[in-house]
Amino acid sequence: AAGRAFEIIRNSIGYTGANVKICASHAGITVGEDGASHQTFEDIALMR
């Protein structure tokens, strides 16, 4: 959500003020065995 789709979220949702709730699961280190590629530590920073 925050990584792959950031440009669309910024321009199509943020810029237009669209009533979309980006409900992102499996955040942070506790994703565990899925490893570094899936452990998101940047998403809050991006969305802020």
PDB file of all heavy atoms in Angstrom:
ATOM      1  N   ALA A   1       0.839  -1.203   0.000  1.00  0.00           N
ATOM      2  CA  ALA A   1       0.000   0.000   0.000  1.00  0.00           C
ATOM      3  C   ALA A   1       0.870   1.247   0.000  1.00  0.00           C
ATOM      4  O   ALA A   1       0.872   2.034  -0.959  1.00  0.00           O
ATOM      5  CB  ALA A   1      -0.932  -0.016   1.198  1.00  0.00           C
ATOM      6  N   ALA A   2       1.623   1.418   1.076  1.00  0.00           N
ATOM      7  CA  ALA A   2       2.434   2.632   1.215  1.00  0.00           C
ATOM      8  C   ALA A   2       3.583   2.656   0.217  1.00  0.00           C
ATOM      9  O   ALA A   2       3.968   3.724  -0.273  1.00  0.00           O
ATOM     10  CB  ALA A   2       2.991   2.727   2.632  1.00  0.00           C
ATOM     11  N   GLY A   3       4.151   1.480  -0.101  1.00  0.00           N
ATOM     12  CA  GLY A   3       5.312   1.424  -0.978  1.00  0.00           C
ATOM     13  C   GLY A   3       4.949   1.434  -2.446  1.00  0.00           C
ATOM     14  O   GLY A   3       5.168   2.408  -3.165  1.00  0.00           O
ATOM     15  N   ARG A   4       4.341   0.350  -2.892  1.00  0.00           N
ATOM     16  CA  ARG A   4       4.092   0.189  -4.330  1.00  0.00           C
ATOM     17  C   ARG A   4       3.103   1.208  -4.876  1.00  0.00           C
ATOM     18  O   ARG A   4       3.228   1.673  -5.999  1.00  0.00           O
ATOM     19  CB  ARG A   4       3.593  -1.236  -4.597  1.00  0.00           C
ATOM     20  CG  ARG A   4       3.407  -1.555  -6.067  1.00  0.00           C
ATOM     21  CD  ARG A   4       3.078  -3.024  -6.253  1.00  0.00           C
ATOM     22  NE  ARG A   4       4.188  -3.870  -5.825  1.00  0.00           N
ATOM     23  CZ  ARG A   4       4.083  -5.179  -5.626  1.00  0.00           C
ATOM     24  NH1 ARG A   4       2.916  -5.779  -5.798  1.00  0.00           N
ATOM     25  NH2 ARG A   4       5.132  -5.885  -5.258  1.00  0.00           N
ATOM     26  N   ALA A   5       2.117   1.588  -4.074  1.00  0.00           N
ATOM     27  CA  ALA A   5       1.036   2.442  -4.591  1.00  0.00           C
ATOM     28  C   ALA A   5       1.141   3.899  -4.148  1.00  0.00           C
ATOM     29  O   ALA A   5       0.179   4.650  -4.288  1.00  0.00           O
ATOM     30  CB  ALA A   5      -0.309   1.856  -4.166  1.00  0.00           C
ATOM     31  N   PHE A   6       2.305   4.309  -3.649  1.00  0.00           N
ATOM     32  CA  PHE A   6       2.392   5.650  -3.065  1.00  0.00           C
ATOM     33  C   PHE A   6       1.991   6.753  -4.049  1.00  0.00           C
ATOM     34  O   PHE A   6       1.255   7.682  -3.698  1.00  0.00           O
ATOM     35  CB  PHE A   6       3.801   5.943  -2.543  1.00  0.00           C
ATOM     36  CG  PHE A   6       3.936   7.325  -1.954  1.00  0.00           C
ATOM     37  CD1 PHE A   6       3.430   7.616  -0.699  1.00  0.00           C
ATOM     38  CD2 PHE A   6       4.534   8.357  -2.673  1.00  0.00           C
ATOM     39  CE1 PHE A   6       3.525   8.889  -0.172  1.00  0.00           C
ATOM     40  CE2 PHE A   6       4.630   9.637  -2.149  1.00  0.00           C
ATOM     41  CZ  PHE A   6       4.123   9.903  -0.889  1.00  0.00           C
ATOM     42  N   GLU A   7       2.457   6.679  -5.269  1.00  0.00           N
ATOM     43  CA  GLU A   7       2.153   7.747  -6.235  1.00  0.00           C
ATOM     44  C   GLU A   7       0.647   7.868  -6.465  1.00  0.00           C
ATOM     45  O   GLU A   7       0.107   8.983  -6.519  1.00  0.00           O
ATOM     46  CB  GLU A   7       2.850   7.471  -7.569  1.00  0.00           C
ATOM     47  CG  GLU A   7       2.567   8.543  -8.613  1.00  0.00           C
ATOM     48  CD  GLU A   7       2.831   8.084 -10.033  1.00  0.00           C
ATOM     49  OE1 GLU A   7       3.395   6.991 -10.225  1.00  0.00           O
ATOM     50  OE2 GLU A   7       2.457   8.830 -10.959  1.00  0.00           O
ATOM     51  N   ILE A   8      -0.030   6.728  -6.582  1.00  0.00           N
ATOM     52  CA  ILE A   8      -1.482   6.746  -6.811  1.00  0.00           C
ATOM     53  C   ILE A   8      -2.203   7.292  -5.574  1.00  0.00           C
ATOM     54  O   ILE A   8      -3.155   8.071  -5.683  1.00  0.00           O
ATOM     55  CB  ILE A   8      -1.995   5.325  -7.135  1.00  0.00           C
ATOM     56  CG1 ILE A   8      -1.141   4.670  -8.236  1.00  0.00           C
ATOM     57  CG2 ILE A   8      -3.464   5.372  -7.532  1.00  0.00           C
ATOM     58  CD1 ILE A   8      -1.036   5.442  -9.520  1.00  0.00           C
ATOM     59  N   ILE A   9      -1.743   6.873  -4.401  1.00  0.00           N
ATOM     60  CA  ILE A   9      -2.348   7.376  -3.161  1.00  0.00           C
ATOM     61  C   ILE A   9      -2.164   8.888  -3.060  1.00  0.00           C
ATOM     62  O   ILE A   9      -3.094   9.624  -2.726  1.00  0.00           O
ATOM     63  CB  ILE A   9      -1.757   6.653  -1.938  1.00  0.00           C
ATOM     64  CG1 ILE A   9      -2.259   5.200  -1.905  1.00  0.00           C
ATOM     65  CG2 ILE A   9      -2.106   7.373  -0.643  1.00  0.00           C
ATOM     66  CD1 ILE A   9      -1.583   4.326  -0.879  1.00  0.00           C
ATOM     67  N   ARG A  10      -0.967   9.355  -3.378  1.00  0.00           N
ATOM     68  CA  ARG A  10      -0.694  10.801  -3.306  1.00  0.00           C
ATOM     69  C   ARG A  10      -1.561  11.589  -4.286  1.00  0.00           C
ATOM     70  O   ARG A  10      -2.208  12.578  -3.921  1.00  0.00           O
ATOM     71  CB  ARG A  10       0.781  11.076  -3.592  1.00  0.00           C
ATOM     72  CG  ARG A  10       1.137  12.555  -3.557  1.00  0.00           C
ATOM     73  CD  ARG A  10       2.521  12.803  -4.146  1.00  0.00           C
ATOM     74  NE  ARG A  10       2.903  14.207  -4.040  1.00  0.00           N
ATOM     75  CZ  ARG A  10       2.584  15.145  -4.936  1.00  0.00           C
ATOM     76  NH1 ARG A  10       1.844  14.828  -5.997  1.00  0.00           N
ATOM     77  NH2 ARG A  10       2.973  16.392  -4.768  1.00  0.00           N
ATOM     78  N   ASN A  11      -1.554  11.165  -5.556  1.00  0.00           N
ATOM     79  CA  ASN A  11      -2.179  11.973  -6.607  1.00  0.00           C
ATOM     80  C   ASN A  11      -3.679  11.722  -6.781  1.00  0.00           C
ATOM     81  O   ASN A  11      -4.444  12.663  -6.990  1.00  0.00           O
ATOM     82  CB  ASN A  11      -1.466  11.737  -7.941  1.00  0.00           C
ATOM     83  CG  ASN A  11      -0.059  12.314  -7.950  1.00  0.00           C
ATOM     84  OD1 ASN A  11       0.228  13.251  -7.210  1.00  0.00           O
ATOM     85  ND2 ASN A  11       0.814  11.764  -8.767  1.00  0.00           N
ATOM     86  N   SER A  12      -4.102  10.459  -6.715  1.00  0.00           N
ATOM     87  CA  SER A  12      -5.512  10.141  -6.970  1.00  0.00           C
ATOM     88  C   SER A  12      -6.379  10.218  -5.717  1.00  0.00           C
ATOM     89  O   SER A  12      -7.573  10.497  -5.803  1.00  0.00           O
ATOM     90  CB  SER A  12      -5.630   8.738  -7.587  1.00  0.00           C
ATOM     91  OG  SER A  12      -4.975   8.690  -8.837  1.00  0.00           O
ATOM     92  N   ILE A  13      -5.773   9.952  -4.553  1.00  0.00           N
ATOM     93  CA  ILE A  13      -6.544   9.966  -3.306  1.00  0.00           C
ATOM     94  C   ILE A  13      -6.253  11.221  -2.483  1.00  0.00           C
ATOM     95  O   ILE A  13      -7.167  11.954  -2.110  1.00  0.00           O
ATOM     96  CB  ILE A  13      -6.245   8.694  -2.477  1.00  0.00           C
ATOM     97  CG1 ILE A  13      -6.716   7.449  -3.245  1.00  0.00           C
ATOM     98  CG2 ILE A  13      -6.910   8.774  -1.105  1.00  0.00           C
ATOM     99  CD1 ILE A  13      -6.320   6.132  -2.608  1.00  0.00           C
ATOM    100  N   GLY A  14      -4.966  11.499  -2.227  1.00  0.00           N
ATOM    101  CA  GLY A  14      -4.610  12.659  -1.415  1.00  0.00           C
ATOM    102  C   GLY A  14      -4.955  13.979  -2.081  1.00  0.00           C
ATOM    103  O   GLY A  14      -5.638  14.836  -1.499  1.00  0.00           O
ATOM    104  N   TYR A  15      -4.516  14.158  -3.312  1.00  0.00           N
ATOM    105  CA  TYR A  15      -4.703  15.427  -4.028  1.00  0.00           C
ATOM    106  C   TYR A  15      -6.179  15.747  -4.254  1.00  0.00           C
ATOM    107  O   TYR A  15      -6.602  16.907  -4.175  1.00  0.00           O
ATOM    108  CB  TYR A  15      -3.961  15.376  -5.359  1.00  0.00           C
ATOM    109  CG  TYR A  15      -4.046  16.648  -6.168  1.00  0.00           C
ATOM    110  CD1 TYR A  15      -3.460  17.830  -5.718  1.00  0.00           C
ATOM    111  CD2 TYR A  15      -4.729  16.671  -7.388  1.00  0.00           C
ATOM    112  CE1 TYR A  15      -3.545  18.999  -6.464  1.00  0.00           C
ATOM    113  CE2 TYR A  15      -4.813  17.831  -8.141  1.00  0.00           C
ATOM    114  CZ  TYR A  15      -4.225  18.990  -7.674  1.00  0.00           C
ATOM    115  OH  TYR A  15      -4.309  20.150  -8.408  1.00  0.00           O
ATOM    116  N   THR A  16      -6.981  14.695  -4.510  1.00  0.00           N
ATOM    117  CA  THR A  16      -8.412  14.914  -4.765  1.00  0.00           C
ATOM    118  C   THR A  16      -9.240  14.914  -3.483  1.00  0.00           C
ATOM    119  O   THR A  16     -10.428  15.251  -3.517  1.00  0.00           O
ATOM    120  CB  THR A  16      -8.970  13.816  -5.695  1.00  0.00           C
ATOM    121  OG1 THR A  16      -8.895  12.549  -5.019  1.00  0.00           O
ATOM    122  CG2 THR A  16      -8.188  13.739  -7.004  1.00  0.00           C
ATOM    123  N   GLY A  17      -8.616  14.498  -2.360  1.00  0.00           N
ATOM    124  CA  GLY A  17      -9.367  14.399  -1.106  1.00  0.00           C
ATOM    125  C   GLY A  17     -10.390  13.274  -1.133  1.00  0.00           C
ATOM    126  O   GLY A  17     -11.404  13.327  -0.441  1.00  0.00           O
ATOM    127  N   ALA A  18     -10.120  12.235  -1.911  1.00  0.00           N
ATOM    128  CA  ALA A  18     -11.073  11.138  -2.081  1.00  0.00           C
ATOM    129  C   ALA A  18     -11.313  10.410  -0.761  1.00  0.00           C
ATOM    130  O   ALA A  18     -10.408  10.235   0.055  1.00  0.00           O
ATOM    131  CB  ALA A  18     -10.565  10.156  -3.134  1.00  0.00           C
ATOM    132  N   ASN A  19     -12.531   9.952  -0.578  1.00  0.00           N
ATOM    133  CA  ASN A  19     -12.953   9.309   0.669  1.00  0.00           C
ATOM    134  C   ASN A  19     -12.536   7.835   0.683  1.00  0.00           C
ATOM    135  O   ASN A  19     -13.377   6.932   0.764  1.00  0.00           O
ATOM    136  CB  ASN A  19     -14.462   9.460   0.831  1.00  0.00           C
ATOM    137  CG  ASN A  19     -14.904   9.345   2.275  1.00  0.00           C
ATOM    138  OD1 ASN A  19     -14.085   9.287   3.186  1.00  0.00           O
ATOM    139  ND2 ASN A  19     -16.214   9.320   2.486  1.00  0.00           N
ATOM    140  N   VAL A  20     -11.226   7.603   0.620  1.00  0.00           N
ATOM    141  CA  VAL A  20     -10.665   6.255   0.604  1.00  0.00           C
ATOM    142  C   VAL A  20      -9.918   5.998   1.909  1.00  0.00           C
ATOM    143  O   VAL A  20      -9.130   6.836   2.355  1.00  0.00           O
ATOM    144  CB  VAL A  20      -9.708   6.053  -0.594  1.00  0.00           C
ATOM    145  CG1 VAL A  20      -9.070   4.666  -0.538  1.00  0.00           C
ATOM    146  CG2 VAL A  20     -10.437   6.257  -1.914  1.00  0.00           C
ATOM    147  N   LYS A  21     -10.172   4.852   2.500  1.00  0.00           N
ATOM    148  CA  LYS A  21      -9.463   4.432   3.704  1.00  0.00           C
ATOM    149  C   LYS A  21      -8.471   3.342   3.298  1.00  0.00           C
ATOM    150  O   LYS A  21      -8.864   2.244   2.890  1.00  0.00           O
ATOM    151  CB  LYS A  21     -10.438   3.899   4.757  1.00  0.00           C
ATOM    152  CG  LYS A  21     -11.732   4.727   4.893  1.00  0.00           C
ATOM    153  CD  LYS A  21     -11.513   6.217   5.122  1.00  0.00           C
ATOM    154  CE  LYS A  21     -12.837   6.975   5.008  1.00  0.00           C
ATOM    155  NZ  LYS A  21     -12.670   8.433   5.122  1.00  0.00           N
ATOM    156  N   ILE A  22      -7.190   3.688   3.365  1.00  0.00           N
ATOM    157  CA  ILE A  22      -6.116   2.759   2.993  1.00  0.00           C
ATOM    158  C   ILE A  22      -5.854   1.889   4.213  1.00  0.00           C
ATOM    159  O   ILE A  22      -5.161   2.292   5.146  1.00  0.00           O
ATOM    160  CB  ILE A  22      -4.863   3.541   2.565  1.00  0.00           C
ATOM    161  CG1 ILE A  22      -5.193   4.461   1.388  1.00  0.00           C
ATOM    162  CG2 ILE A  22      -3.708   2.602   2.219  1.00  0.00           C
ATOM    163  CD1 ILE A  22      -4.529   5.808   1.470  1.00  0.00           C
ATOM    164  N   CYS A  23      -6.458   0.709   4.240  1.00  0.00           N
ATOM    165  CA  CYS A  23      -6.405  -0.162   5.415  1.00  0.00           C
ATOM    166  C   CYS A  23      -5.287  -1.182   5.215  1.00  0.00           C
ATOM    167  O   CYS A  23      -5.473  -2.201   4.545  1.00  0.00           O
ATOM    168  CB  CYS A  23      -7.755  -0.821   5.642  1.00  0.00           C
ATOM    169  SG  CYS A  23      -9.066   0.392   5.938  1.00  0.00           S
ATOM    170  N   ALA A  24      -4.128  -0.868   5.784  1.00  0.00           N
ATOM    171  CA  ALA A  24      -2.900  -1.609   5.502  1.00  0.00           C
ATOM    172  C   ALA A  24      -2.552  -2.528   6.658  1.00  0.00           C
ATOM    173  O   ALA A  24      -2.336  -2.079   7.783  1.00  0.00           O
ATOM    174  CB  ALA A  24      -1.764  -0.627   5.237  1.00  0.00           C
ATOM    175  N   SER A  25      -2.468  -3.809   6.376  1.00  0.00           N
ATOM    176  CA  SER A  25      -2.161  -4.785   7.416  1.00  0.00           C
ATOM    177  C   SER A  25      -0.712  -5.262   7.294  1.00  0.00           C
ATOM    178  O   SER A  25       0.016  -4.875   6.382  1.00  0.00           O
ATOM    179  CB  SER A  25      -3.115  -5.987   7.324  1.00  0.00           C
ATOM    180  OG  SER A  25      -2.770  -6.814   6.238  1.00  0.00           O
ATOM    181  N   HIS A  26      -0.309  -6.127   8.248  1.00  0.00           N
ATOM    182  CA  HIS A  26       1.025  -6.748   8.218  1.00  0.00           C
ATOM    183  C   HIS A  26       2.133  -5.690   8.206  1.00  0.00           C
ATOM    184  O   HIS A  26       3.089  -5.770   7.432  1.00  0.00           O
ATOM    185  CB  HIS A  26       1.162  -7.686   7.025  1.00  0.00           C
ATOM    186  CG  HIS A  26       0.306  -8.920   7.134  1.00  0.00           C
ATOM    187  ND1 HIS A  26      -1.069  -8.855   7.196  1.00  0.00           N
ATOM    188  CD2 HIS A  26       0.637 -10.232   7.196  1.00  0.00           C
ATOM    189  CE1 HIS A  26      -1.556 -10.090   7.289  1.00  0.00           C
ATOM    190  NE2 HIS A  26      -0.549 -10.946   7.303  1.00  0.00           N
ATOM    191  N   ALA A  27       1.992  -4.695   9.069  1.00  0.00           N
ATOM    192  CA  ALA A  27       3.003  -3.642   9.163  1.00  0.00           C
ATOM    193  C   ALA A  27       4.031  -3.994  10.228  1.00  0.00           C
ATOM    194  O   ALA A  27       3.745  -4.720  11.182  1.00  0.00           O
ATOM    195  CB  ALA A  27       2.326  -2.312   9.509  1.00  0.00           C
ATOM    196  N   GLY A  28       5.260  -3.491  10.072  1.00  0.00           N
ATOM    197  CA  GLY A  28       6.276  -3.598  11.103  1.00  0.00           C
ATOM    198  C   GLY A  28       7.008  -4.923  11.157  1.00  0.00           C
ATOM    199  O   GLY A  28       6.808  -5.830  10.351  1.00  0.00           O
ATOM    200  N   ILE A  29       7.870  -5.044  12.170  1.00  0.00           N
ATOM    201  CA  ILE A  29       8.779  -6.188  12.312  1.00  0.00           C
ATOM    202  C   ILE A  29       8.038  -7.473  12.652  1.00  0.00           C
ATOM    203  O   ILE A  29       8.517  -8.579  12.368  1.00  0.00           O
ATOM    204  CB  ILE A  29       9.853  -5.883  13.388  1.00  0.00           C
ATOM    205  CG1 ILE A  29      11.054  -6.842  13.275  1.00  0.00           C
ATOM    206  CG2 ILE A  29       9.270  -5.946  14.796  1.00  0.00           C
ATOM    207  CD1 ILE A  29      12.019  -6.481  12.199  1.00  0.00           C
ATOM    208  N   THR A  30       6.831  -7.373  13.259  1.00  0.00           N
ATOM    209  CA  THR A  30       6.113  -8.574  13.688  1.00  0.00           C
ATOM    210  C   THR A  30       5.457  -9.329  12.538  1.00  0.00           C
ATOM    211  O   THR A  30       4.791 -10.342  12.762  1.00  0.00           O
ATOM    212  CB  THR A  30       5.066  -8.251  14.772  1.00  0.00           C
ATOM    213  OG1 THR A  30       4.221  -7.186  14.328  1.00  0.00           O
ATOM    214  CG2 THR A  30       5.733  -7.867  16.077  1.00  0.00           C
ATOM    215  N   VAL A  31       5.648  -8.859  11.303  1.00  0.00           N
ATOM    216  CA  VAL A  31       5.314  -9.702  10.151  1.00  0.00           C
ATOM    217  C   VAL A  31       6.158 -10.977  10.225  1.00  0.00           C
ATOM    218  O   VAL A  31       5.771 -12.033   9.744  1.00  0.00           O
ATOM    219  CB  VAL A  31       5.559  -8.937   8.831  1.00  0.00           C
ATOM    220  CG1 VAL A  31       5.360  -9.836   7.621  1.00  0.00           C
ATOM    221  CG2 VAL A  31       4.600  -7.755   8.735  1.00  0.00           C
ATOM    222  N   GLY A  32       7.330 -10.847  10.870  1.00  0.00           N
ATOM    223  CA  GLY A  32       8.120 -12.024  11.229  1.00  0.00           C
ATOM    224  C   GLY A  32       8.770 -12.752  10.084  1.00  0.00           C
ATOM    225  O   GLY A  32       9.632 -12.219   9.390  1.00  0.00           O
ATOM    226  N   GLU A  33       8.335 -14.000   9.852  1.00  0.00           N
ATOM    227  CA  GLU A  33       9.006 -14.888   8.905  1.00  0.00           C
ATOM    228  C   GLU A  33       8.947 -14.400   7.466  1.00  0.00           C
ATOM    229  O   GLU A  33       9.729 -14.868   6.622  1.00  0.00           O
ATOM    230  CB  GLU A  33       8.405 -16.299   9.003  1.00  0.00           C
ATOM    231  CG  GLU A  33       8.701 -17.029  10.301  1.00  0.00           C
ATOM    232  CD  GLU A  33       7.718 -16.717  11.422  1.00  0.00           C
ATOM    233  OE1 GLU A  33       6.935 -15.753  11.272  1.00  0.00           O
ATOM    234  OE2 GLU A  33       7.753 -17.424  12.446  1.00  0.00           O
ATOM    235  N   ASP A  34       8.047 -13.491   7.127  1.00  0.00           N
ATOM    236  CA  ASP A  34       7.979 -12.971   5.759  1.00  0.00           C
ATOM    237  C   ASP A  34       9.218 -12.161   5.388  1.00  0.00           C
ATOM    238  O   ASP A  34       9.479 -11.922   4.209  1.00  0.00           O
ATOM    239  CB  ASP A  34       6.726 -12.104   5.569  1.00  0.00           C
ATOM    240  CG  ASP A  34       5.455 -12.943   5.510  1.00  0.00           C
ATOM    241  OD1 ASP A  34       5.567 -14.185   5.533  1.00  0.00           O
ATOM    242  OD2 ASP A  34       4.362 -12.366   5.445  1.00  0.00           O
ATOM    243  N   GLY A  35       9.959 -11.701   6.394  1.00  0.00           N
ATOM    244  CA  GLY A  35      11.268 -11.120   6.151  1.00  0.00           C
ATOM    245  C   GLY A  35      11.295  -9.657   5.747  1.00  0.00           C
ATOM    246  O   GLY A  35      10.269  -8.964   5.711  1.00  0.00           O
ATOM    247  N   ALA A  36      12.508  -9.194   5.419  1.00  0.00           N
ATOM    248  CA  ALA A  36      12.776  -7.769   5.197  1.00  0.00           C
ATOM    249  C   ALA A  36      11.940  -7.154   4.090  1.00  0.00           C
ATOM    250  O   ALA A  36      11.567  -5.985   4.155  1.00  0.00           O
ATOM    251  CB  ALA A  36      14.262  -7.573   4.901  1.00  0.00           C
ATOM    252  N   SER A  37      11.631  -7.925   3.063  1.00  0.00           N
ATOM    253  CA  SER A  37      10.878  -7.370   1.933  1.00  0.00           C
ATOM    254  C   SER A  37       9.452  -6.986   2.312  1.00  0.00           C
ATOM    255  O   SER A  37       8.836  -6.143   1.658  1.00  0.00           O
ATOM    256  CB  SER A  37      10.851  -8.367   0.771  1.00  0.00           C
ATOM    257  OG  SER A  37      10.164  -9.557   1.156  1.00  0.00           O
ATOM    258  N   HIS A  38       8.927  -7.606   3.382  1.00  0.00           N
ATOM    259  CA  HIS A  38       7.538  -7.365   3.781  1.00  0.00           C
ATOM    260  C   HIS A  38       7.415  -6.583   5.088  1.00  0.00           C
ATOM    261  O   HIS A  38       6.307  -6.192   5.466  1.00  0.00           O
ATOM    262  CB  HIS A  38       6.804  -8.697   3.946  1.00  0.00           C
ATOM    263  CG  HIS A  38       6.435  -9.356   2.656  1.00  0.00           C
ATOM    264  ND1 HIS A  38       7.355  -9.581   1.645  1.00  0.00           N
ATOM    265  CD2 HIS A  38       5.253  -9.849   2.205  1.00  0.00           C
ATOM    266  CE1 HIS A  38       6.751 -10.195   0.638  1.00  0.00           C
ATOM    267  NE2 HIS A  38       5.480 -10.359   0.947  1.00  0.00           N
ATOM    268  N   GLN A  39       8.518  -6.360   5.782  1.00  0.00           N
ATOM    269  CA  GLN A  39       8.484  -5.646   7.062  1.00  0.00           C
ATOM    270  C   GLN A  39       8.597  -4.139   6.792  1.00  0.00           C
ATOM    271  O   GLN A  39       9.650  -3.637   6.445  1.00  0.00           O
ATOM    272  CB  GLN A  39       9.628  -6.134   7.952  1.00  0.00           C
ATOM    273  CG  GLN A  39       9.460  -7.577   8.397  1.00  0.00           C
ATOM    274  CD  GLN A  39      10.735  -8.214   8.882  1.00  0.00           C
ATOM    275  OE1 GLN A  39      11.817  -7.644   8.739  1.00  0.00           O
ATOM    276  NE2 GLN A  39      10.650  -9.402   9.452  1.00  0.00           N
ATOM    277  N   THR A  40       7.478  -3.459   6.978  1.00  0.00           N
ATOM    278  CA  THR A  40       7.410  -2.040   6.615  1.00  0.00           C
ATOM    279  C   THR A  40       7.725  -1.137   7.799  1.00  0.00           C
ATOM    280  O   THR A  40       7.019  -1.164   8.798  1.00  0.00           O
ATOM    281  CB  THR A  40       5.985  -1.685   6.134  1.00  0.00           C
ATOM    282  OG1 THR A  40       5.437  -2.793   5.449  1.00  0.00           O
ATOM    283  CG2 THR A  40       6.012  -0.487   5.235  1.00  0.00           C
ATOM    284  N   PHE A  41       8.769  -0.320   7.663  1.00  0.00           N
ATOM    285  CA  PHE A  41       9.131   0.652   8.701  1.00  0.00           C
ATOM    286  C   PHE A  41       9.004   2.088   8.201  1.00  0.00           C
ATOM    287  O   PHE A  41       9.342   3.021   8.908  1.00  0.00           O
ATOM    288  CB  PHE A  41      10.574   0.428   9.169  1.00  0.00           C
ATOM    289  CG  PHE A  41      10.890  -1.005   9.485  1.00  0.00           C
ATOM    290  CD1 PHE A  41      11.925  -1.653   8.850  1.00  0.00           C
ATOM    291  CD2 PHE A  41      10.140  -1.700  10.421  1.00  0.00           C
ATOM    292  CE1 PHE A  41      12.217  -2.980   9.135  1.00  0.00           C
ATOM    293  CE2 PHE A  41      10.414  -3.021  10.712  1.00  0.00           C
ATOM    294  CZ  PHE A  41      11.460  -3.668  10.069  1.00  0.00           C
ATOM    295  N   GLU A  42       8.540   2.244   6.961  1.00  0.00           N
ATOM    296  CA  GLU A  42       8.512   3.561   6.325  1.00  0.00           C
ATOM    297  C   GLU A  42       7.105   4.107   6.114  1.00  0.00           C
ATOM    298  O   GLU A  42       6.930   5.262   5.714  1.00  0.00           O
ATOM    299  CB  GLU A  42       9.212   3.494   4.955  1.00  0.00           C
ATOM    300  CG  GLU A  42      10.568   2.803   4.950  1.00  0.00           C
ATOM    301  CD  GLU A  42      10.510   1.281   4.771  1.00  0.00           C
ATOM    302  OE1 GLU A  42       9.377   0.722   4.709  1.00  0.00           O
ATOM    303  OE2 GLU A  42      11.575   0.653   4.708  1.00  0.00           O
ATOM    304  N   ASP A  43       6.087   3.287   6.337  1.00  0.00           N
ATOM    305  CA  ASP A  43       4.734   3.643   5.901  1.00  0.00           C
ATOM    306  C   ASP A  43       4.138   4.846   6.625  1.00  0.00           C
ATOM    307  O   ASP A  43       3.531   5.718   5.994  1.00  0.00           O
ATOM    308  CB  ASP A  43       3.797   2.435   6.004  1.00  0.00           C
ATOM    309  CG  ASP A  43       3.740   1.816   7.393  1.00  0.00           C
ATOM    310  OD1 ASP A  43       4.787   1.742   8.062  1.00  0.00           O
ATOM    311  OD2 ASP A  43       2.648   1.393   7.813  1.00  0.00           O
ATOM    312  N   ILE A  44       4.319   4.916   7.942  1.00  0.00           N
ATOM    313  CA  ILE A  44       3.788   6.076   8.672  1.00  0.00           C
ATOM    314  C   ILE A  44       4.478   7.353   8.202  1.00  0.00           C
ATOM    315  O   ILE A  44       3.834   8.383   7.991  1.00  0.00           O
ATOM    316  CB  ILE A  44       3.950   5.883  10.197  1.00  0.00           C
ATOM    317  CG1 ILE A  44       3.016   4.765  10.688  1.00  0.00           C
ATOM    318  CG2 ILE A  44       3.655   7.184  10.952  1.00  0.00           C
ATOM    319  CD1 ILE A  44       3.217   4.375  12.142  1.00  0.00           C
ATOM    320  N   ALA A  45       5.797   7.270   8.018  1.00  0.00           N
ATOM    321  CA  ALA A  45       6.554   8.434   7.545  1.00  0.00           C
ATOM    322  C   ALA A  45       6.027   8.907   6.193  1.00  0.00           C
ATOM    323  O   ALA A  45       5.810  10.109   5.979  1.00  0.00           O
ATOM    324  CB  ALA A  45       8.039   8.080   7.443  1.00  0.00           C
ATOM    325  N   LEU A  46       5.804   7.973   5.280  1.00  0.00           N
ATOM    326  CA  LEU A  46       5.301   8.330   3.949  1.00  0.00           C
ATOM    327  C   LEU A  46       3.912   8.953   4.031  1.00  0.00           C
ATOM    328  O   LEU A  46       3.646  10.000   3.435  1.00  0.00           O
ATOM    329  CB  LEU A  46       5.256   7.089   3.055  1.00  0.00           C
ATOM    330  CG  LEU A  46       6.589   6.585   2.509  1.00  0.00           C
ATOM    331  CD1 LEU A  46       6.423   5.188   1.927  1.00  0.00           C
ATOM    332  CD2 LEU A  46       7.116   7.533   1.440  1.00  0.00           C
ATOM    333  N   MET A  47       3.027   8.321   4.789  1.00  0.00           N
ATOM    334  CA  MET A  47       1.641   8.786   4.823  1.00  0.00           C
ATOM    335  C   MET A  47       1.485  10.104   5.582  1.00  0.00           C
ATOM    336  O   MET A  47       0.599  10.909   5.274  1.00  0.00           O
ATOM    337  CB  MET A  47       0.736   7.707   5.418  1.00  0.00           C
ATOM    338  CG  MET A  47       0.603   6.498   4.521  1.00  0.00           C
ATOM    339  SD  MET A  47      -0.119   6.904   2.914  1.00  0.00           S
ATOM    340  CE  MET A  47       0.731   5.744   1.863  1.00  0.00           C
ATOM    341  N   ARG A  48       2.349  10.348   6.549  1.00  0.00           N
ATOM    342  CA  ARG A  48       2.315  11.642   7.252  1.00  0.00           C
ATOM    343  C   ARG A  48       2.599  12.801   6.308  1.00  0.00           C
ATOM    344  O   ARG A  48       2.136  13.919   6.537  1.00  0.00           O
ATOM    345  CB  ARG A  48       3.368  11.676   8.368  1.00  0.00           C
ATOM    346  CG  ARG A  48       2.983  10.969   9.654  1.00  0.00           C
ATOM    347  CD  ARG A  48       4.102  11.099  10.688  1.00  0.00           C
ATOM    348  NE  ARG A  48       4.307  12.481  11.098  1.00  0.00           N
ATOM    349  CZ  ARG A  48       5.492  13.052  11.320  1.00  0.00           C
ATOM    350  NH1 ARG A  48       6.607  12.352  11.174  1.00  0.00           N
ATOM    351  NH2 ARG A  48       5.573  14.309  11.708  1.00  0.00           N
TER     352      ARG A  48
END
